Amino acid sequence: MHLLFLTDRYAPEARAAAYLSQELAEALVAEGHRVTVVTRMPSRYVPGGLAAPRAETLRGVRVIRVGGLGFLNRALFLRPLDHILTSAALTLRSWMVERPDVVVVYSPPLPMAMTAALTRWWRGIPYVLNLHDLYPATVVELGLLKNKMLVAIARWMESVAYRNAEQIVVAAPRSAEILHQHNGVPEAKLTYVPNMVNTERFTPGPRDNAFRRAEKLGDRFVVLYAGLMGVAQDLGTIVDCARRMRARTDVMFVLMGDGVFAAKWKALAADLPNVRFCGSVANDGYLEALRASDVCLVSLSDQLKSPAIPGKMATIMAAGKPMIAVVPAWSDTIDVLRESRSGLVSASGCPEELQRAIERLAADPRLAAELGENARAYATSRLSVASVVPQFERVAMRATAAGVVRVHQWRGVSP
């Protein structure tokens, strides 16, 4: 089967979306499929400013990159324009690719789904919508989209994307419920497939490693947040917690990554000796940071009502590290932590509760080790390539078969 991936994030970007797309593409190639990726030329979150060629083959995956106006993505109010222009460029470039059997489109951003819908209309190629966040619900909840006309346009795009997708994959179980009950998407179209991690590449390793030495962390208890520093992430609670714990010289908060709010969090923590910021790093550096940590944080704003499971959870679990989820009470993240028995929960906006959770793990190494072992076991049994890829293959095959039937129906012949 020839699969065409449409995504605005791919290697070498240091983003969870880029990592997830890359791992899935490479795993499908390893199973004997052909995969072509059409993506944007990276402009941010690139470790060391690495340049990416227009076209290359990475571990058997053909990667084609299109140029764009990356500077638009740096300003929140210009992002919709950036998404539209990028999606238009990807649409035109994808039509030059040898005809695939199925298109796999990663969303958000929402205009990417319109790229797949146009491909379906114009070329009759079915698509799988790999949906990780519900748009426009997410941006409306976070206060990023307020104009009623733009909200209406975004909801129309959302409806078109759902209606024309042969199959929809969701990364959070509650997303499937919402799409069926509130958006009228047939259950037969919906499949929950958890975020995948390469458990052979992401493995537990020495705590005393190159990252800990380079950052001069010594034997301090390291609390790591590694990921996007954007609107949906509640790093304010983490910084407030660090302020409450500034007298604890044995605890260090390491905040790794980049995003539109990175400067805000750095300014807020500028006077804190127990907070250290690191920029985006490649996967190898990220893994070393995970191994050097004692507990890892995942964080979501309590403004976010829609389902969301941070992609970084899978890699944290694979590295065998305990987690503290700083999330609202309705988050699907809590269900994953309870099912896997891999971490503690702290409410968004409550630094006191986060402090208690950190101090509990710092005082009880046996509990921390047990949670980390549970995390690794869950990753290998539920989130590994061997577990997830067959699920995605079945979805792609159903989409391909349904697409063939639909094309024959259009042409008025029997399949």
Protein backbone atom coordinates (compact mmCIF):
# COMPACT_ATOMS: atom_id res chain seq x y z
CA MET A 1 0.00 0.00 0.00
CA HIS A 2 1.25 3.50 -0.85
CA LEU A 3 0.40 6.04 1.86
CA LEU A 4 0.74 9.79 1.43
CA PHE A 5 1.27 11.65 4.71
CA LEU A 6 0.27 15.32 4.86
CA THR A 7 1.62 17.03 7.98
CA ASP A 8 3.03 20.43 8.82
CA ARG A 9 5.43 18.88 11.38
CA TYR A 10 8.14 16.36 10.57
CA ALA A 11 11.80 15.67 11.32
CA PRO A 12 14.04 17.45 12.13
CA GLU A 13 11.55 19.52 14.17
CA ALA A 14 11.63 18.86 17.91
CA ARG A 15 7.87 18.61 18.36
CA ALA A 16 5.70 15.73 19.57
CA ALA A 17 3.64 15.93 16.35
CA ALA A 18 6.81 15.66 14.25
CA TYR A 19 8.06 12.71 16.26
CA LEU A 20 4.72 10.86 16.12
CA SER A 21 4.39 11.36 12.35
CA GLN A 22 7.95 10.20 11.78
CA GLU A 23 7.65 7.08 13.94
CA LEU A 24 4.39 6.04 12.29
CA ALA A 25 5.74 6.61 8.77
CA GLU A 26 8.92 4.66 9.44
CA ALA A 27 7.06 1.83 11.14
CA LEU A 28 4.73 1.46 8.16
CA VAL A 29 7.72 1.30 5.82
CA ALA A 30 9.21 -1.41 8.02
CA GLU A 31 5.97 -3.37 7.49
CA GLY A 32 6.47 -3.26 3.72
CA HIS A 33 4.37 -0.23 2.78
CA ARG A 34 5.48 2.77 0.72
CA VAL A 35 5.22 6.11 2.50
CA THR A 36 5.64 9.57 1.01
CA VAL A 37 5.53 12.57 3.35
CA VAL A 38 4.70 16.05 2.10
CA THR A 39 5.41 18.59 4.81
CA ARG A 40 6.50 22.17 5.34
CA MET A 41 10.08 23.37 5.52
CA PRO A 42 10.77 23.68 9.27
CA SER A 43 11.39 27.19 10.56
CA ARG A 44 11.13 26.72 14.34
CA TYR A 45 11.87 24.11 16.99
CA VAL A 46 14.87 22.85 14.99
CA PRO A 47 17.74 21.84 17.31
CA GLY A 48 20.94 23.66 16.44
CA GLY A 49 19.28 25.36 13.47
CA LEU A 50 19.75 22.27 11.32
CA ALA A 51 18.88 22.85 7.69
CA ALA A 52 16.51 20.44 5.97
CA PRO A 53 16.70 19.62 2.25
CA ARG A 54 13.74 20.04 -0.08
CA ALA A 55 13.59 16.30 -0.65
CA GLU A 56 15.30 13.32 0.95
CA THR A 57 14.75 9.73 1.99
CA LEU A 58 14.83 9.15 5.75
CA ARG A 59 14.85 5.51 6.89
CA GLY A 60 12.96 4.49 3.78
CA VAL A 61 10.42 7.35 3.92
CA ARG A 62 10.37 9.76 0.99
CA VAL A 63 10.12 13.28 2.49
CA ILE A 64 9.20 16.32 0.37
CA ARG A 65 9.21 19.78 1.94
CA VAL A 66 7.57 22.94 0.68
CA GLY A 67 8.60 26.46 1.54
CA GLY A 68 6.42 28.81 3.48
CA LEU A 69 6.28 32.05 5.39
CA GLY A 70 7.50 30.67 8.69
CA PHE A 71 7.61 34.07 10.36
CA LEU A 72 3.80 34.18 10.29
CA ASN A 73 3.71 31.27 12.74
CA ARG A 74 5.50 33.31 15.39
CA ALA A 75 2.54 35.66 15.90
CA LEU A 76 -0.68 34.12 17.26
CA PHE A 77 -2.99 36.39 15.25
CA LEU A 78 -1.19 35.50 11.99
CA ARG A 79 -1.23 31.74 12.50
CA PRO A 80 -4.52 31.14 10.64
CA LEU A 81 -3.04 32.81 7.56
CA ASP A 82 0.12 30.72 7.91
CA HIS A 83 -1.94 27.53 8.16
CA ILE A 84 -4.00 28.41 5.08
CA LEU A 85 -0.98 29.30 2.95
CA THR A 86 0.93 26.22 4.07
CA SER A 87 -2.03 23.95 3.37
CA ALA A 88 -2.42 25.44 -0.12
CA ALA A 89 1.25 24.81 -0.85
CA LEU A 90 1.02 21.23 0.44
CA THR A 91 -2.10 20.63 -1.68
CA LEU A 92 -0.37 21.67 -4.88
CA ARG A 93 2.81 19.72 -4.10
CA SER A 94 0.96 16.56 -3.05
CA TRP A 95 -0.83 16.43 -6.41
CA MET A 96 2.58 15.98 -8.07
CA VAL A 97 3.23 12.80 -6.09
CA GLU A 98 2.58 9.43 -7.69
CA ARG A 99 -1.01 8.47 -6.92
CA PRO A 100 -1.23 6.95 -3.42
CA ASP A 101 -3.78 4.40 -2.20
CA VAL A 102 -4.71 6.52 0.80
CA VAL A 103 -3.86 9.92 2.29
CA VAL A 104 -3.10 10.25 6.02
CA VAL A 105 -3.52 13.82 7.21
CA TYR A 106 -2.41 15.05 10.64
CA SER A 107 -4.67 17.65 12.24
CA PRO A 108 -4.43 20.25 13.71
CA PRO A 109 -4.04 22.61 11.97
CA LEU A 110 -7.54 22.33 10.56
CA PRO A 111 -6.73 23.61 7.03
CA MET A 112 -4.55 20.49 6.62
CA ALA A 113 -7.75 18.44 6.63
CA MET A 114 -9.11 20.63 3.86
CA THR A 115 -6.01 19.72 1.83
CA ALA A 116 -7.00 16.06 2.14
CA ALA A 117 -10.64 16.85 1.32
CA LEU A 118 -9.60 18.66 -1.86
CA THR A 119 -7.43 15.69 -2.81
CA ARG A 120 -10.41 13.40 -2.29
CA TRP A 121 -12.68 15.56 -4.44
CA TRP A 122 -10.17 16.19 -7.21
CA ARG A 123 -8.32 12.88 -7.40
CA GLY A 124 -10.78 10.48 -5.74
CA ILE A 125 -8.23 9.38 -3.11
CA PRO A 126 -9.65 8.43 0.31
CA TYR A 127 -8.12 9.92 3.42
CA VAL A 128 -7.64 9.05 7.08
CA LEU A 129 -7.91 12.01 9.43
CA ASN A 130 -5.35 11.53 12.21
CA LEU A 131 -7.01 13.86 14.69
CA HIS A 132 -5.08 14.86 17.81
CA ASP A 133 -7.03 17.92 18.96
CA LEU A 134 -10.56 19.09 18.31
CA TYR A 135 -10.55 22.30 16.29
CA PRO A 136 -11.95 24.92 16.46
CA ALA A 137 -13.16 23.95 19.96
CA THR A 138 -9.63 24.05 21.40
CA VAL A 139 -8.71 27.52 20.11
CA VAL A 140 -12.11 28.92 21.07
CA GLU A 141 -11.72 27.59 24.64
CA LEU A 142 -8.23 29.07 24.90
CA GLY A 143 -9.49 32.45 23.72
CA LEU A 144 -7.43 32.43 20.53
CA LEU A 145 -10.41 32.58 18.17
CA LYS A 146 -13.20 34.98 19.10
CA ASN A 147 -14.49 36.44 15.84
CA LYS A 148 -17.90 34.90 15.20
CA MET A 149 -17.47 34.82 11.44
CA LEU A 150 -14.07 33.09 11.69
CA VAL A 151 -15.48 30.61 14.21
CA ALA A 152 -18.32 29.81 11.80
CA ILE A 153 -15.85 29.29 8.93
CA ALA A 154 -13.70 27.04 11.10
CA ARG A 155 -16.71 24.95 12.12
CA TRP A 156 -17.71 24.58 8.47
CA MET A 157 -14.18 23.37 7.68
CA GLU A 158 -14.39 20.95 10.59
CA SER A 159 -17.71 19.57 9.28
CA VAL A 160 -16.26 19.14 5.78
CA ALA A 161 -13.21 17.35 7.16
CA TYR A 162 -15.28 14.86 9.19
CA ARG A 163 -17.85 14.26 6.47
CA ASN A 164 -15.31 13.48 3.75
CA ALA A 165 -12.85 11.40 5.78
CA GLU A 166 -13.21 7.67 5.20
CA GLN A 167 -11.80 7.02 8.67
CA ILE A 168 -10.94 9.20 11.68
CA VAL A 169 -8.28 8.21 14.19
CA VAL A 170 -8.38 9.93 17.60
CA ALA A 171 -5.67 9.97 20.27
CA ALA A 172 -8.07 10.49 23.19
CA PRO A 173 -11.09 8.20 23.83
CA ARG A 174 -13.39 11.08 24.78
CA SER A 175 -12.77 12.64 21.36
CA ALA A 176 -14.57 9.71 19.74
CA GLU A 177 -17.56 10.19 22.06
CA ILE A 178 -17.76 13.92 21.28
CA LEU A 179 -17.46 13.41 17.53
CA HIS A 180 -20.23 10.83 17.54
CA GLN A 181 -22.63 12.45 20.00
CA HIS A 182 -22.16 16.15 19.16
CA ASN A 183 -20.85 16.16 15.59
CA GLY A 184 -22.87 13.25 14.23
CA VAL A 185 -19.86 11.29 12.99
CA PRO A 186 -20.81 7.60 12.52
CA GLU A 187 -19.16 5.28 15.01
CA ALA A 188 -17.93 3.10 12.14
CA LYS A 189 -15.67 5.96 11.06
CA LEU A 190 -14.04 6.41 14.47
CA THR A 191 -11.10 4.50 15.92
CA TYR A 192 -9.13 5.27 19.07
CA VAL A 193 -5.43 4.62 18.51
CA PRO A 194 -3.07 5.76 21.30
CA ASN A 195 0.05 7.77 20.64
CA MET A 196 2.89 5.46 19.69
CA VAL A 197 6.49 5.33 20.91
CA ASN A 198 9.47 3.37 19.68
CA THR A 199 10.21 1.39 22.84
CA GLU A 200 13.44 0.07 21.36
CA ARG A 201 14.78 3.59 20.81
CA PHE A 202 13.32 5.18 23.94
CA THR A 203 14.53 3.03 26.83
CA PRO A 204 15.46 3.58 30.48
CA GLY A 205 19.09 4.53 31.02
CA PRO A 206 21.60 5.92 33.54
CA ARG A 207 20.40 8.85 35.61
CA ASP A 208 23.97 10.15 35.89
CA ASN A 209 24.56 10.88 32.23
CA ALA A 210 25.93 13.51 29.85
CA PHE A 211 22.88 15.78 30.21
CA ARG A 212 23.06 15.84 34.01
CA ARG A 213 26.79 16.56 33.86
CA ALA A 214 26.46 19.25 31.17
CA GLU A 215 23.78 21.06 33.17
CA LYS A 216 25.73 20.63 36.44
CA LEU A 217 22.75 19.07 38.15
CA GLY A 218 24.80 16.92 40.50
CA ASP A 219 22.62 14.63 42.59
CA ARG A 220 19.69 17.05 42.84
CA PHE A 221 16.14 15.82 42.38
CA VAL A 222 15.31 16.93 38.83
CA VAL A 223 11.75 17.88 37.87
CA LEU A 224 11.60 17.99 34.05
CA TYR A 225 9.11 19.65 31.76
CA ALA A 226 10.06 19.03 28.11
CA GLY A 227 7.77 20.14 25.34
CA LEU A 228 5.88 22.98 23.75
CA MET A 229 5.60 26.21 25.72
CA GLY A 230 2.39 27.41 24.16
CA VAL A 231 -1.05 28.59 25.11
CA ALA A 232 -2.48 25.19 26.05
CA GLN A 233 0.34 24.38 28.49
CA ASP A 234 0.01 25.70 32.04
CA LEU A 235 3.65 26.42 32.87
CA GLY A 236 2.57 29.18 35.23
CA THR A 237 1.60 26.56 37.82
CA ILE A 238 5.03 24.95 37.47
CA VAL A 239 6.88 28.26 37.90
CA ASP A 240 4.70 29.18 40.89
CA CYS A 241 5.49 25.79 42.43
CA ALA A 242 9.22 26.35 41.90
CA ARG A 243 8.87 29.71 43.65
CA ARG A 244 7.29 28.00 46.64
CA MET A 245 10.17 25.49 46.69
CA ARG A 246 13.05 27.90 46.09
CA ALA A 247 14.51 27.11 49.52
CA ARG A 248 14.88 23.44 48.51
CA THR A 249 18.41 23.47 47.12
CA ASP A 250 18.17 19.73 46.46
CA VAL A 251 15.39 20.18 43.86
CA MET A 252 15.90 21.64 40.37
CA PHE A 253 13.20 22.43 37.81
CA VAL A 254 14.39 22.00 34.21
CA LEU A 255 12.08 23.47 31.56
CA MET A 256 13.06 22.33 28.07
CA GLY A 257 11.53 23.43 24.78
CA ASP A 258 10.24 26.50 23.00
CA GLY A 259 6.98 28.16 22.04
CA VAL A 260 5.08 31.42 21.79
CA PHE A 261 4.98 31.79 25.59
CA ALA A 262 8.58 30.70 26.29
CA ALA A 263 9.71 34.30 26.85
CA LYS A 264 6.81 34.85 29.26
CA TRP A 265 7.74 31.89 31.44
CA LYS A 266 11.43 32.80 31.37
CA ALA A 267 10.63 36.32 32.56
CA LEU A 268 8.37 34.97 35.30
CA ALA A 269 11.13 32.67 36.58
CA ALA A 270 14.07 35.02 36.03
CA ASP A 271 14.75 35.44 39.75
CA LEU A 272 14.48 31.73 40.63
CA PRO A 273 17.79 29.87 41.16
CA ASN A 274 15.99 26.52 41.10
CA VAL A 275 14.63 26.90 37.54
CA ARG A 276 16.72 26.22 34.45
CA PHE A 277 15.56 26.68 30.85
CA CYS A 278 16.90 24.67 27.93
CA GLY A 279 16.02 25.12 24.28
CA SER A 280 14.72 22.51 21.85
CA VAL A 281 16.91 19.43 21.44
CA ALA A 282 16.97 16.49 19.04
CA ASN A 283 15.50 13.13 20.07
CA ASP A 284 18.79 11.81 21.44
CA GLY A 285 19.22 14.87 23.65
CA TYR A 286 15.59 14.66 24.75
CA LEU A 287 16.05 11.03 25.75
CA GLU A 288 19.15 11.90 27.78
CA ALA A 289 17.15 14.61 29.56
CA LEU A 290 14.39 12.13 30.36
CA ARG A 291 16.90 9.65 31.76
CA ALA A 292 18.56 12.35 33.86
CA SER A 293 15.25 13.40 35.43
CA ASP A 294 13.60 12.05 38.56
CA VAL A 295 10.05 13.00 37.65
CA CYS A 296 8.52 14.39 34.44
CA LEU A 297 5.64 16.83 34.15
CA VAL A 298 2.84 17.06 31.62
CA SER A 299 0.73 20.16 31.77
CA LEU A 300 -2.54 21.44 30.30
CA SER A 301 -4.40 24.68 30.97
CA ASP A 302 -7.69 24.46 32.85
CA GLN A 303 -9.19 26.61 30.07
CA LEU A 304 -8.95 23.57 27.81
CA LYS A 305 -12.25 21.67 28.00
CA SER A 306 -11.72 19.50 24.92
CA PRO A 307 -10.02 16.09 25.19
CA ALA A 308 -6.22 16.09 24.97
CA ILE A 309 -3.53 13.56 25.79
CA PRO A 310 -0.05 15.13 25.48
CA GLY A 311 2.07 13.25 22.96
CA LYS A 312 5.08 13.45 25.28
CA MET A 313 3.45 10.99 27.72
CA ALA A 314 4.38 8.03 25.54
CA THR A 315 8.09 8.87 25.46
CA ILE A 316 8.17 9.57 29.21
CA MET A 317 6.61 6.17 29.84
CA ALA A 318 9.03 4.40 27.50
CA ALA A 319 11.95 5.96 29.38
CA GLY A 320 10.57 4.49 32.60
CA LYS A 321 10.00 7.77 34.42
CA PRO A 322 7.19 8.64 36.86
CA MET A 323 4.90 11.50 35.87
CA ILE A 324 2.94 14.24 37.52
CA ALA A 325 0.05 15.45 35.35
CA VAL A 326 -0.79 19.11 35.98
CA VAL A 327 -4.17 18.98 34.28
CA PRO A 328 -7.84 19.88 34.80
CA ALA A 329 -10.06 17.32 36.52
CA TRP A 330 -11.85 16.33 33.29
CA SER A 331 -8.68 15.54 31.32
CA ASP A 332 -8.30 12.13 29.61
CA THR A 333 -4.69 12.29 30.79
CA ILE A 334 -5.85 11.31 34.26
CA ASP A 335 -7.49 8.15 32.92
CA VAL A 336 -4.22 7.11 31.25
CA LEU A 337 -2.23 7.69 34.45
CA ARG A 338 -4.69 5.69 36.54
CA GLU A 339 -4.87 2.84 34.04
CA SER A 340 -1.08 2.62 33.79
CA ARG A 341 -0.43 3.40 37.48
CA SER A 342 2.49 5.52 36.32
CA GLY A 343 2.12 8.83 38.10
CA LEU A 344 0.34 11.37 40.27
CA VAL A 345 -2.21 14.04 39.41
CA SER A 346 -2.12 17.71 40.37
CA ALA A 347 -4.85 20.18 39.48
CA SER A 348 -4.07 22.96 37.01
CA GLY A 349 -3.62 26.29 38.74
CA CYS A 350 -2.75 24.72 42.10
CA PRO A 351 1.01 25.04 42.80
CA GLU A 352 0.51 23.84 46.39
CA GLU A 353 -0.82 20.50 45.15
CA LEU A 354 2.04 20.15 42.67
CA GLN A 355 4.53 20.87 45.45
CA ARG A 356 3.03 18.11 47.60
CA ALA A 357 3.27 15.64 44.71
CA ILE A 358 6.92 16.51 43.98
CA GLU A 359 7.89 16.32 47.65
CA ARG A 360 6.11 12.99 48.00
CA LEU A 361 8.16 11.44 45.18
CA ALA A 362 11.40 13.08 46.34
CA ALA A 363 10.88 11.58 49.80
CA ASP A 364 9.87 8.13 48.54
CA PRO A 365 12.32 6.77 45.93
CA ARG A 366 10.64 3.36 46.06
CA LEU A 367 7.30 4.85 45.01
CA ALA A 368 8.98 6.81 42.22
CA ALA A 369 10.74 3.67 40.98
CA GLU A 370 7.50 1.66 41.07
CA LEU A 371 5.63 4.29 39.06
CA GLY A 372 8.48 4.39 36.53
CA GLU A 373 8.46 0.60 36.15
CA ASN A 374 4.68 0.66 35.64
CA ALA A 375 5.12 3.36 32.99
CA ARG A 376 7.66 1.30 31.06
CA ALA A 377 5.49 -1.81 31.23
CA TYR A 378 2.47 0.12 29.93
CA ALA A 379 4.49 1.61 27.07
CA THR A 380 5.84 -1.76 25.93
CA SER A 381 2.46 -3.50 26.13
CA ARG A 382 0.11 -0.76 24.86
CA LEU A 383 2.06 2.00 23.08
CA SER A 384 4.83 0.16 21.24
CA VAL A 385 5.24 -0.04 17.47
CA ALA A 386 4.21 -3.69 17.53
CA SER A 387 0.99 -2.82 19.35
CA VAL A 388 -0.08 0.39 17.58
CA VAL A 389 0.98 0.00 13.94
CA PRO A 390 -1.34 -2.98 13.21
CA GLN A 391 -4.25 -0.88 14.48
CA PHE A 392 -3.34 1.93 12.11
CA GLU A 393 -2.82 -0.48 9.22
CA ARG A 394 -6.34 -1.82 9.67
CA VAL A 395 -7.74 1.71 9.63
CA ALA A 396 -5.84 2.57 6.44
CA MET A 397 -7.01 -0.62 4.75
CA ARG A 398 -10.64 0.08 5.68
CA ALA A 399 -10.30 3.58 4.26
CA THR A 400 -8.78 2.27 1.04
CA ALA A 401 -11.51 -0.36 0.58
CA ALA A 402 -14.27 2.18 1.29
CA GLY A 403 -12.68 4.62 -1.13
CA VAL A 404 -12.65 2.05 -3.93
CA VAL A 405 -16.36 1.34 -3.41
CA ARG A 406 -17.18 5.04 -3.38
CA VAL A 407 -15.26 5.74 -6.62
CA HIS A 408 -17.11 2.90 -8.37
CA GLN A 409 -20.41 4.27 -7.13
CA TRP A 410 -19.56 7.68 -8.55
CA ARG A 411 -18.82 6.06 -11.89
CA GLY A 412 -21.98 3.95 -11.79
CA VAL A 413 -20.20 0.56 -12.04
CA SER A 414 -20.01 -2.44 -9.77
CA PRO A 415 -16.86 -2.70 -7.65
